[in-house]
Amino acid sequence: MCGLVAYHQSQPTIDAAMLERMTDTMTHRGPDERGFFRSGPIGLGHRRLSIIDLRDGRQPMASADQSTHLVFNGEIYNHMEWRKTLQAAGRPFKTDHSDTETLLQLYEQYGPDCVHKLNGMFAFVIWDEKRKRLFAARDRLGIKPLYYVQRPGILILASEIKALLACPQVSHQIDPVALYEYLALRYVPAPRTLFEGIQKLPAGHSLFFDNGQLRVERYWDVPWGQHPETLSENAWADKYLSLLEDSVRIRLLSDVPLGAFLSGGLDSTTLVALMKRLTGSTLHTYSIGFGNKPGDAQSWDERPYSRLAARTLGTTHKEFVVDASVCDHMRKLVWHMDEPIADPAALPTYVLSRETRREVTVAISGEGSDETLGGYGKYAFPHYQQLLSPALRWINPRYFLGLVDALPIHALKKQRLEKFLKALALPPGAEQALVLLAALHPDRVDELLTGDALKTSGRRQTLDVFDAYLKDSHTLDPLSRLLHVEIKTYLAEQLLMKVDKMSMAASLEVRVPFLDYRLVELAAQIPSSLKVRGRSTKVILKNATRGLVPEAIRTRPKQGFSVPVESWYRGPLRKSVESLVDFARGDGGVFLDAQGVERAVQRQLVDNVYQGQELWSLLILKEWFYEFAS
């Protein structure tokens, strides 16, 4: 992986020192090399983590006639196939097997349509001197980030926001709408960021800047049901597994050591099993768990399953243990996030990446299966909504909310049940999707924020984001519509950005075979009944992996990568949680309602009512504020 900067200005001279400062804020993304290009209105900077063609893949890379220059972050897995095609067409190559050069040659041959030829994870910027055009693109699913800011006379793009902030013309001002989205969702969906004026290029989009005009265009979308096939359940399973195996195969290409994350869940175990089948060699696998010190929780620990998977598949396995002391890294990791991502799993993800990086430079990981195949319990909502629809004509589900507290279940499960009942009480649409998919109910977000205008505008514009994606998928069945929203929002801007930022903090490249665009397109054609059936989720993958992974893993309930923050709040993090009240009364009072924050703290620490989502969001927001916005 790498870090890139592209700077375009109306004045003819680029400040070389500033370009270097911006680029070097991302040394962690590319500790091996750095490079620069300046000519007239354009400046390009690059930090390189060498993975493929260690000797000749230096960037910025120029075309043979020096008219086109490229900076690129990512990997193109089908680059050798395209290299052969381009060579057969008479295009000369100067490197042996650099995917960067193949990308450059594809642009030379096909122009902006080159994005349709690529299978990989990527964000890149190309300066086309002949056409005086700056062209950029982000991969179809948003595995790699690309941010940009436009000010009078300048346009800057970068792999990380901190590179943009190193430019004195870029503001650190908070976007109030994005703040609402952050508190509701735990992340900010594209194109906004928490910084006013700094935008994310959405997944599957290209950016053009020529003649002083900037435009953003979508070049790919999930093709739900466009080419339906009539196959048996077993045939669908076989077809999916066959393509998944090919997706794993092309991601094993590397000139540096490669391993895999192995949680012991279905997704990671499937990938390691396929890696074993393809290579026949002993693999290096890595997992993380939570210790049994006071304040930790054994129930969150998946290590028994990762050990079972490693033992069955014969891997060389290492596991790492974290406890609440991992929170000592919070400020550092917030710096790496740029804009806050309020997922506690970011901390153990960083530790796992850091320790894995001691032995390998590339790791295979299982992100994306749940959002494309329906792996979470919330995706059973359409089934229950349809099942209960006759009763809903007569009974409002909100009537049952008062009974939830009396149930003898964990507080987190109570919250999920409340969310289910509130969503069930709403008609299908953006508001129902927001209530179901958000980390915090909009009413609870309103309690935390000052100013009615901020609350109402934030909720309205967040609903607009969800509504736009629901309209994109208005002809689909309810589950497909739900998955479409998740792929465009949660997957791209929380899950994948968490993995990217935390792995890059350790200079580790992470590859995600479940998000090969061919596999996502295939998943979009598979009937929803083969994804979620009643309470059973990810049915198609469970069927496909019969005999491939241990039965205890294939049939185990979905656990997810969770962190025991509730016990941490009562123990090592108690003072940090209590300090949120002072923050809301002081520096954070511009946007946080002190009484609302105090109520959330009291509910957790005094009333013992689970407030895990909102307190973690506030803790991360506080650290972010002092790191970037104060």
Foldseek 3Di string as FASTA:
>chain_A
DKKKKKKFFPAFDDDPVLLVVLRVVQCLQAVPDKDWDHGGRMIMIMGHDDKPQNPPQDDQDADPVRQKTKDKDWDFLCLVVLVVVVVVVPDDDDGDGHSNVSLVVLCVVPNPCSLVVTFIFMWMWMQGNVQRKIKIAGAQLQLFWKKWADDVGMIMIISAVVSVVSDVVFDLDFDLLQVLVCLWALFGFFQDFRGPRMGIQFHQKMWMADPNDIDIDHDDAQPFQPPADDDDLLVLLQVLLVLLLVLLVSVVDTPWFEAAEQLLALQRLSSLLSVCVVPVDAGEYEYEAEDDDQLFDPVLGSVVSSVVSCVVSVHNYDYYYDYPCLCVCLLVLLSLLNGGRLAVLLSVLLVRLQVVVVHTQEYEYAPDLCLLQPADQLLLLLVVLVVCVVVLVPDQLVVCLVVLVVDPDDLVVSVLVNLSSVLSNDDDALLSLSSSNIPDRLVLSVLWWDDPVSSVVSVVVSSVLLRVLCVVVVVDDPSLSSSSSCSRGVRNTHVSSSNVSSNSSNSHHYDHSCPRVVSSNSSSNDDSCCADPNSDGHNSSLSSCVVSTDPCNSPDRDSDNHGSVLSCCQPVCVVVLVCLLVCCVPVVVVITDSVSSVVLSCCSHPVVNDPPSSSSSSSSVVSSCVVRPD
